[in-house]
Amino acid sequence: MKIKKLLPFIFGLIFTTISCSSDDVDLNPNYPSEFINTWLESYEESYGIYRPSDYKIFPESIYRQSYTFMINNECEYLVLSPVDAHYIEKGYWEYIEKDNVINIYNPDKELFKKLKVTSIAAELLQIE
C-alpha cells in the first residue's frame, strides 16, 4: 500500500532530475582560434580591452578580470569576492558568431555572463 503512494513521488523525482540535467545546453563548438588564450582586462587602455596574459607586465591591481578560453568549450574566469577572496571558477563557453557574443556558463551550465565582442585578434579582445 505504501509503495503505491510513493510511486508518483518517485516518478516525479526521476522526471525532475532528468529534466534539470546540466547537459541540456548544447555548446557551439565553432569559434575563431584567436579566442583560445588567457585574457586579462587592460582597463588602463580603455574599458572593454583585454590582452593576452603574456602581452606585457600589467600594473598591480586589486582586481583585474580574467577569462581563459580553452578548446572543448571549457573556460576559467575570475570571480569577484566582496571580501577580496577572489577565486577562479571553471565553466564553459561558446561563441555565437551571428551575434558576436561569448556566452559563459558556470559549472552547472547555467548562463553566467554574456560578452559582446567588438574585435578579436591575436593580441586584442575588445568587448562592449
C-alpha atoms as a PDB file:
ATOM      1  CA  MET A   1       0.000   0.000   0.000  1.00  0.00           C
ATOM      2  CA  LYS A   2       2.802   2.436   0.885  1.00  0.00           C
ATOM      3  CA  ILE A   3       4.592   1.616  -2.366  1.00  0.00           C
ATOM      4  CA  LYS A   4       1.557   2.708  -4.418  1.00  0.00           C
ATOM      5  CA  LYS A   5       1.526   6.043  -2.583  1.00  0.00           C
ATOM      6  CA  LEU A   6       5.255   6.546  -3.119  1.00  0.00           C
ATOM      7  CA  LEU A   7       5.295   5.708  -6.845  1.00  0.00           C
ATOM      8  CA  PRO A   8       4.052   9.139  -8.048  1.00  0.00           C
ATOM      9  CA  PHE A   9       6.640  10.812  -5.826  1.00  0.00           C
ATOM     10  CA  ILE A  10       9.447   8.576  -7.114  1.00  0.00           C
ATOM     11  CA  PHE A  11       8.481   9.118 -10.776  1.00  0.00           C
ATOM     12  CA  GLY A  12       8.209  12.863 -10.175  1.00  0.00           C
ATOM     13  CA  LEU A  13      11.658  12.919  -8.611  1.00  0.00           C
ATOM     14  CA  ILE A  14      13.151  10.953 -11.507  1.00  0.00           C
ATOM     15  CA  PHE A  15      11.471  13.236 -14.077  1.00  0.00           C
ATOM     16  CA  THR A  16      12.705  16.370 -12.291  1.00  0.00           C
ATOM     17  CA  THR A  17      16.249  15.020 -12.087  1.00  0.00           C
ATOM     18  CA  ILE A  18      16.314  14.130 -15.777  1.00  0.00           C
ATOM     19  CA  SER A  19      14.707  17.366 -16.979  1.00  0.00           C
ATOM     20  CA  CYS A  20      17.070  19.539 -14.904  1.00  0.00           C
ATOM     21  CA  SER A  21      20.198  17.873 -16.199  1.00  0.00           C
ATOM     22  CA  SER A  22      23.099  20.262 -16.809  1.00  0.00           C
ATOM     23  CA  ASP A  23      23.759  18.567 -20.144  1.00  0.00           C
ATOM     24  CA  ASP A  24      20.713  20.286 -21.676  1.00  0.00           C
ATOM     25  CA  VAL A  25      22.864  23.138 -23.028  1.00  0.00           C
ATOM     26  CA  ASP A  26      24.439  22.330 -26.386  1.00  0.00           C
ATOM     27  CA  LEU A  27      27.539  24.487 -26.729  1.00  0.00           C
ATOM     28  CA  ASN A  28      28.557  25.814 -30.121  1.00  0.00           C
ATOM     29  CA  PRO A  29      31.991  24.283 -30.837  1.00  0.00           C
ATOM     30  CA  ASN A  30      32.768  26.738 -33.668  1.00  0.00           C
ATOM     31  CA  TYR A  31      34.875  29.753 -32.751  1.00  0.00           C
ATOM     32  CA  PRO A  32      37.876  31.672 -34.112  1.00  0.00           C
ATOM     33  CA  SER A  33      41.162  30.236 -32.844  1.00  0.00           C
ATOM     34  CA  GLU A  34      42.172  33.697 -31.559  1.00  0.00           C
ATOM     35  CA  PHE A  35      39.832  33.218 -28.596  1.00  0.00           C
ATOM     36  CA  ILE A  36      41.922  30.347 -27.185  1.00  0.00           C
ATOM     37  CA  ASN A  37      44.007  32.242 -24.652  1.00  0.00           C
ATOM     38  CA  THR A  38      44.028  33.738 -21.173  1.00  0.00           C
ATOM     39  CA  TRP A  39      42.716  37.292 -21.446  1.00  0.00           C
ATOM     40  CA  LEU A  40      43.366  39.970 -18.815  1.00  0.00           C
ATOM     41  CA  GLU A  41      41.406  43.187 -18.555  1.00  0.00           C
ATOM     42  CA  SER A  42      43.596  46.102 -19.606  1.00  0.00           C
ATOM     43  CA  TYR A  43      41.469  48.911 -18.182  1.00  0.00           C
ATOM     44  CA  GLU A  44      44.468  51.253 -18.257  1.00  0.00           C
ATOM     45  CA  GLU A  45      43.986  51.362 -22.034  1.00  0.00           C
ATOM     46  CA  SER A  46      40.200  51.637 -22.101  1.00  0.00           C
ATOM     47  CA  TYR A  47      37.023  49.951 -20.916  1.00  0.00           C
ATOM     48  CA  GLY A  48      36.431  46.572 -22.550  1.00  0.00           C
ATOM     49  CA  ILE A  49      40.023  45.986 -23.659  1.00  0.00           C
ATOM     50  CA  TYR A  50      41.517  42.571 -22.880  1.00  0.00           C
ATOM     51  CA  ARG A  51      45.046  41.467 -23.693  1.00  0.00           C
ATOM     52  CA  PRO A  52      46.724  38.052 -23.567  1.00  0.00           C
ATOM     53  CA  SER A  53      48.238  37.357 -20.155  1.00  0.00           C
ATOM     54  CA  ASP A  54      51.747  37.370 -21.664  1.00  0.00           C
ATOM     55  CA  TYR A  55      51.186  40.604 -23.630  1.00  0.00           C
ATOM     56  CA  LYS A  56      53.017  42.747 -21.068  1.00  0.00           C
ATOM     57  CA  ILE A  57      53.639  43.054 -17.349  1.00  0.00           C
ATOM     58  CA  PHE A  58      50.402  44.536 -16.100  1.00  0.00           C
ATOM     59  CA  PRO A  59      50.494  47.079 -13.258  1.00  0.00           C
ATOM     60  CA  GLU A  60      49.476  45.806  -9.833  1.00  0.00           C
ATOM     61  CA  SER A  61      45.742  45.846  -9.294  1.00  0.00           C
ATOM     62  CA  ILE A  62      43.334  44.891  -6.532  1.00  0.00           C
ATOM     63  CA  TYR A  63      41.174  43.167  -9.138  1.00  0.00           C
ATOM     64  CA  ARG A  64      41.787  42.505 -12.821  1.00  0.00           C
ATOM     65  CA  GLN A  65      39.134  40.452 -14.614  1.00  0.00           C
ATOM     66  CA  SER A  66      40.456  37.429 -16.462  1.00  0.00           C
ATOM     67  CA  TYR A  67      38.980  34.834 -18.781  1.00  0.00           C
ATOM     68  CA  THR A  68      40.710  31.701 -20.046  1.00  0.00           C
ATOM     69  CA  PHE A  69      39.011  30.212 -23.086  1.00  0.00           C
ATOM     70  CA  MET A  70      40.148  26.670 -23.849  1.00  0.00           C
ATOM     71  CA  ILE A  71      39.381  24.122 -26.527  1.00  0.00           C
ATOM     72  CA  ASN A  72      36.364  21.868 -25.997  1.00  0.00           C
ATOM     73  CA  ASN A  73      34.378  24.908 -24.788  1.00  0.00           C
ATOM     74  CA  GLU A  74      35.944  24.839 -21.327  1.00  0.00           C
ATOM     75  CA  CYS A  75      36.902  28.055 -19.582  1.00  0.00           C
ATOM     76  CA  GLU A  76      38.012  29.617 -16.328  1.00  0.00           C
ATOM     77  CA  TYR A  77      37.056  33.056 -15.088  1.00  0.00           C
ATOM     78  CA  LEU A  78      37.912  35.169 -12.082  1.00  0.00           C
ATOM     79  CA  VAL A  79      35.026  35.760  -9.683  1.00  0.00           C
ATOM     80  CA  LEU A  80      34.991  38.998  -7.703  1.00  0.00           C
ATOM     81  CA  SER A  81      34.516  38.400  -3.992  1.00  0.00           C
ATOM     82  CA  PRO A  82      33.097  41.087  -1.685  1.00  0.00           C
ATOM     83  CA  VAL A  83      35.747  40.180   0.915  1.00  0.00           C
ATOM     84  CA  ASP A  84      38.679  40.279  -1.537  1.00  0.00           C
ATOM     85  CA  ALA A  85      38.873  36.484  -1.626  1.00  0.00           C
ATOM     86  CA  HIS A  86      38.625  36.369  -5.417  1.00  0.00           C
ATOM     87  CA  TYR A  87      38.696  32.910  -6.917  1.00  0.00           C
ATOM     88  CA  ILE A  88      38.868  31.122 -10.251  1.00  0.00           C
ATOM     89  CA  GLU A  89      35.722  29.299 -11.359  1.00  0.00           C
ATOM     90  CA  LYS A  90      35.732  26.620 -14.036  1.00  0.00           C
ATOM     91  CA  GLY A  91      32.935  26.651 -16.556  1.00  0.00           C
ATOM     92  CA  TYR A  92      32.039  26.505 -20.215  1.00  0.00           C
ATOM     93  CA  TRP A  93      31.899  28.992 -23.055  1.00  0.00           C
ATOM     94  CA  GLU A  94      30.619  29.339 -26.575  1.00  0.00           C
ATOM     95  CA  TYR A  95      30.837  31.946 -29.299  1.00  0.00           C
ATOM     96  CA  ILE A  96      27.696  32.908 -31.194  1.00  0.00           C
ATOM     97  CA  GLU A  97      29.081  34.329 -34.433  1.00  0.00           C
ATOM     98  CA  LYS A  98      25.873  35.890 -35.781  1.00  0.00           C
ATOM     99  CA  ASP A  99      25.531  37.971 -32.584  1.00  0.00           C
ATOM    100  CA  ASN A 100      29.277  38.363 -31.859  1.00  0.00           C
ATOM    101  CA  VAL A 101      28.611  37.158 -28.317  1.00  0.00           C
ATOM    102  CA  ILE A 102      30.569  34.952 -25.946  1.00  0.00           C
ATOM    103  CA  ASN A 103      28.284  33.129 -23.521  1.00  0.00           C
ATOM    104  CA  ILE A 104      29.999  31.999 -20.330  1.00  0.00           C
ATOM    105  CA  TYR A 105      28.345  29.268 -18.277  1.00  0.00           C
ATOM    106  CA  ASN A 106      29.022  28.216 -14.695  1.00  0.00           C
ATOM    107  CA  PRO A 107      29.928  24.587 -13.857  1.00  0.00           C
ATOM    108  CA  ASP A 108      26.211  23.672 -13.911  1.00  0.00           C
ATOM    109  CA  LYS A 109      25.963  25.111 -17.457  1.00  0.00           C
ATOM    110  CA  GLU A 110      23.766  27.996 -16.307  1.00  0.00           C
ATOM    111  CA  LEU A 111      24.422  31.264 -18.131  1.00  0.00           C
ATOM    112  CA  PHE A 112      26.818  33.334 -16.023  1.00  0.00           C
ATOM    113  CA  LYS A 113      27.780  36.185 -18.355  1.00  0.00           C
ATOM    114  CA  LYS A 114      27.410  37.476 -21.920  1.00  0.00           C
ATOM    115  CA  LEU A 115      30.248  39.374 -23.548  1.00  0.00           C
ATOM    116  CA  LYS A 116      29.500  41.358 -26.717  1.00  0.00           C
ATOM    117  CA  VAL A 117      32.654  41.124 -28.848  1.00  0.00           C
ATOM    118  CA  THR A 118      33.523  44.130 -30.997  1.00  0.00           C
ATOM    119  CA  SER A 119      37.010  42.983 -32.041  1.00  0.00           C
ATOM    120  CA  ILE A 120      39.179  39.882 -31.805  1.00  0.00           C
ATOM    121  CA  ALA A 121      42.812  39.475 -32.869  1.00  0.00           C
ATOM    122  CA  ALA A 122      45.858  37.610 -31.601  1.00  0.00           C
ATOM    123  CA  GLU A 123      46.670  40.367 -29.079  1.00  0.00           C
ATOM    124  CA  LEU A 124      43.304  42.071 -28.574  1.00  0.00           C
ATOM    125  CA  LEU A 125      39.867  41.087 -27.344  1.00  0.00           C
ATOM    126  CA  GLN A 126      37.535  44.062 -27.188  1.00  0.00           C
ATOM    127  CA  ILE A 127      34.050  43.884 -25.704  1.00  0.00           C
ATOM    128  CA  GLU A 128      31.241  46.391 -25.179  1.00  0.00           C
END
